[in-house]
Amino acid sequence: MSKSLKINDKVKIISGANKGVEAKIVRIDRKAGKACLEGIGMVERHMKKTYYNPAGGKKTIHVGIDMSNLKLVEAAEFKAAGKTDKKAKSKKGAK
């Protein structure tokens, strides 16, 4: 199932604290098996003062949710991204 999930797909969380919530996938980390969802799993990290960031402060980041806890509700439109299916084109032209 995790291989079929893509960015901009609408998914439903099937387990955990946010069970039953539907959201759109913003980013996927296939190596770790996690997906970042829009508006869910936002955490504030405290940044240490550095030469490049002399003020320090807070930064809001996404924490990924394991892909095994997600269920596909609505797939992103393939044609909406401006892409075409090469296999479909070759089959139409073949006799």
C-alpha atoms as a PDB file:
ATOM      1  CA  MET A   1       0.000   0.000   0.000  1.00  0.00           C
ATOM      2  CA  SER A   2       2.781   2.423   0.865  1.00  0.00           C
ATOM      3  CA  LYS A   3       4.181   2.340  -2.671  1.00  0.00           C
ATOM      4  CA  SER A   4       0.858   3.491  -4.110  1.00  0.00           C
ATOM      5  CA  LEU A   5       0.700   6.677  -2.007  1.00  0.00           C
ATOM      6  CA  LYS A   6       1.852   9.859  -3.729  1.00  0.00           C
ATOM      7  CA  ILE A   7       2.054  13.578  -2.982  1.00  0.00           C
ATOM      8  CA  ASN A   8      -1.352  15.374  -3.120  1.00  0.00           C
ATOM      9  CA  ASP A   9      -3.282  12.130  -2.437  1.00  0.00           C
ATOM     10  CA  LYS A  10      -6.064  12.445   0.113  1.00  0.00           C
ATOM     11  CA  VAL A  11      -5.646   9.874   2.911  1.00  0.00           C
ATOM     12  CA  LYS A  12      -7.410   8.871   6.105  1.00  0.00           C
ATOM     13  CA  ILE A  13      -5.516   8.054   9.312  1.00  0.00           C
ATOM     14  CA  ILE A  14      -6.604   4.612  10.514  1.00  0.00           C
ATOM     15  CA  SER A  15      -4.755   4.463  13.852  1.00  0.00           C
ATOM     16  CA  GLY A  16      -3.133   6.719  16.412  1.00  0.00           C
ATOM     17  CA  ALA A  17      -4.089   9.972  18.109  1.00  0.00           C
ATOM     18  CA  ASN A  18      -5.559  11.476  14.911  1.00  0.00           C
ATOM     19  CA  LYS A  19      -7.612   8.411  13.955  1.00  0.00           C
ATOM     20  CA  GLY A  20     -10.367   9.160  11.427  1.00  0.00           C
ATOM     21  CA  VAL A  21      -8.907  12.460  10.196  1.00  0.00           C
ATOM     22  CA  GLU A  22      -8.570  13.017   6.439  1.00  0.00           C
ATOM     23  CA  ALA A  23      -5.702  15.089   5.054  1.00  0.00           C
ATOM     24  CA  LYS A  24      -3.558  15.665   1.964  1.00  0.00           C
ATOM     25  CA  ILE A  25       0.001  14.309   1.689  1.00  0.00           C
ATOM     26  CA  VAL A  26       2.594  17.098   1.547  1.00  0.00           C
ATOM     27  CA  ARG A  27       5.854  15.114   1.583  1.00  0.00           C
ATOM     28  CA  ILE A  28       6.885  11.436   1.555  1.00  0.00           C
ATOM     29  CA  ASP A  29      10.033   9.841   2.981  1.00  0.00           C
ATOM     30  CA  ARG A  30      10.100   6.396   1.385  1.00  0.00           C
ATOM     31  CA  LYS A  31      13.302   5.319   3.125  1.00  0.00           C
ATOM     32  CA  ALA A  32      11.824   5.928   6.592  1.00  0.00           C
ATOM     33  CA  GLY A  33       8.318   4.875   5.482  1.00  0.00           C
ATOM     34  CA  LYS A  34       6.705   8.092   6.654  1.00  0.00           C
ATOM     35  CA  ALA A  35       4.363  10.664   5.109  1.00  0.00           C
ATOM     36  CA  CYS A  36       3.861  14.281   6.202  1.00  0.00           C
ATOM     37  CA  LEU A  37       0.233  15.392   6.165  1.00  0.00           C
ATOM     38  CA  GLU A  38      -1.121  18.916   5.763  1.00  0.00           C
ATOM     39  CA  GLY A  39      -1.890  20.412   9.188  1.00  0.00           C
ATOM     40  CA  ILE A  40      -1.218  17.190  11.123  1.00  0.00           C
ATOM     41  CA  GLY A  41       1.950  16.370  13.045  1.00  0.00           C
ATOM     42  CA  MET A  42       3.215  19.940  13.347  1.00  0.00           C
ATOM     43  CA  VAL A  43       5.833  20.318  16.119  1.00  0.00           C
ATOM     44  CA  GLU A  44       7.843  23.305  17.305  1.00  0.00           C
ATOM     45  CA  ARG A  45      11.613  22.808  17.562  1.00  0.00           C
ATOM     46  CA  HIS A  46      13.762  25.197  19.569  1.00  0.00           C
ATOM     47  CA  MET A  47      16.734  26.499  17.599  1.00  0.00           C
ATOM     48  CA  LYS A  48      20.040  27.194  19.327  1.00  0.00           C
ATOM     49  CA  LYS A  49      21.795  30.531  18.762  1.00  0.00           C
ATOM     50  CA  THR A  50      24.378  30.184  15.999  1.00  0.00           C
ATOM     51  CA  TYR A  51      26.474  32.400  13.781  1.00  0.00           C
ATOM     52  CA  TYR A  52      23.857  32.084  10.996  1.00  0.00           C
ATOM     53  CA  ASN A  53      20.886  32.410  13.359  1.00  0.00           C
ATOM     54  CA  PRO A  54      22.012  34.833  16.104  1.00  0.00           C
ATOM     55  CA  ALA A  55      18.516  35.269  17.560  1.00  0.00           C
ATOM     56  CA  GLY A  56      17.773  31.545  17.945  1.00  0.00           C
ATOM     57  CA  GLY A  57      14.052  30.942  18.338  1.00  0.00           C
ATOM     58  CA  LYS A  58      11.458  28.380  17.335  1.00  0.00           C
ATOM     59  CA  LYS A  59      10.832  26.557  14.073  1.00  0.00           C
ATOM     60  CA  THR A  60       7.665  24.631  13.143  1.00  0.00           C
ATOM     61  CA  ILE A  61       8.305  21.336  11.330  1.00  0.00           C
ATOM     62  CA  HIS A  62       6.306  18.314  10.144  1.00  0.00           C
ATOM     63  CA  VAL A  63       6.653  14.999  11.949  1.00  0.00           C
ATOM     64  CA  GLY A  64       5.892  12.098   9.638  1.00  0.00           C
ATOM     65  CA  ILE A  65       3.168   9.521  10.176  1.00  0.00           C
ATOM     66  CA  ASP A  66       3.950   5.908   9.337  1.00  0.00           C
ATOM     67  CA  MET A  67       2.505   4.914   5.952  1.00  0.00           C
ATOM     68  CA  SER A  68       1.020   1.735   7.402  1.00  0.00           C
ATOM     69  CA  ASN A  69      -1.358   3.941   9.413  1.00  0.00           C
ATOM     70  CA  LEU A  70      -2.766   5.638   6.296  1.00  0.00           C
ATOM     71  CA  LYS A  71      -5.575   4.601   3.976  1.00  0.00           C
ATOM     72  CA  LEU A  72      -6.010   6.077   0.505  1.00  0.00           C
ATOM     73  CA  VAL A  73      -9.306   7.956   0.148  1.00  0.00           C
ATOM     74  CA  GLU A  74      -8.846   9.863  -3.092  1.00  0.00           C
ATOM     75  CA  ALA A  75      -5.912   9.631  -5.493  1.00  0.00           C
ATOM     76  CA  ALA A  76      -4.403  12.763  -7.001  1.00  0.00           C
ATOM     77  CA  GLU A  77      -5.393  13.358 -10.612  1.00  0.00           C
ATOM     78  CA  PHE A  78      -2.730  12.018 -12.976  1.00  0.00           C
ATOM     79  CA  LYS A  79      -3.648  14.405 -15.778  1.00  0.00           C
ATOM     80  CA  ALA A  80      -3.946  17.438 -13.468  1.00  0.00           C
ATOM     81  CA  ALA A  81      -0.163  17.499 -13.097  1.00  0.00           C
ATOM     82  CA  GLY A  82       0.245  17.904 -16.861  1.00  0.00           C
ATOM     83  CA  LYS A  83       1.697  14.426 -17.299  1.00  0.00           C
ATOM     84  CA  THR A  84       0.625  11.880 -19.868  1.00  0.00           C
ATOM     85  CA  ASP A  85       0.568   8.126 -19.700  1.00  0.00           C
ATOM     86  CA  LYS A  86       3.089   6.781 -22.232  1.00  0.00           C
ATOM     87  CA  LYS A  87       1.614   3.262 -22.166  1.00  0.00           C
ATOM     88  CA  ALA A  88      -1.872   4.559 -22.954  1.00  0.00           C
ATOM     89  CA  LYS A  89      -0.538   6.567 -25.899  1.00  0.00           C
ATOM     90  CA  SER A  90       1.292   3.595 -27.386  1.00  0.00           C
ATOM     91  CA  LYS A  91      -1.808   1.377 -27.109  1.00  0.00           C
ATOM     92  CA  LYS A  92      -4.019   3.946 -28.878  1.00  0.00           C
ATOM     93  CA  GLY A  93      -1.619   4.194 -31.806  1.00  0.00           C
ATOM     94  CA  ALA A  94      -1.192   0.412 -32.148  1.00  0.00           C
ATOM     95  CA  LYS A  95      -3.468  -1.515 -34.485  1.00  0.00           C
END
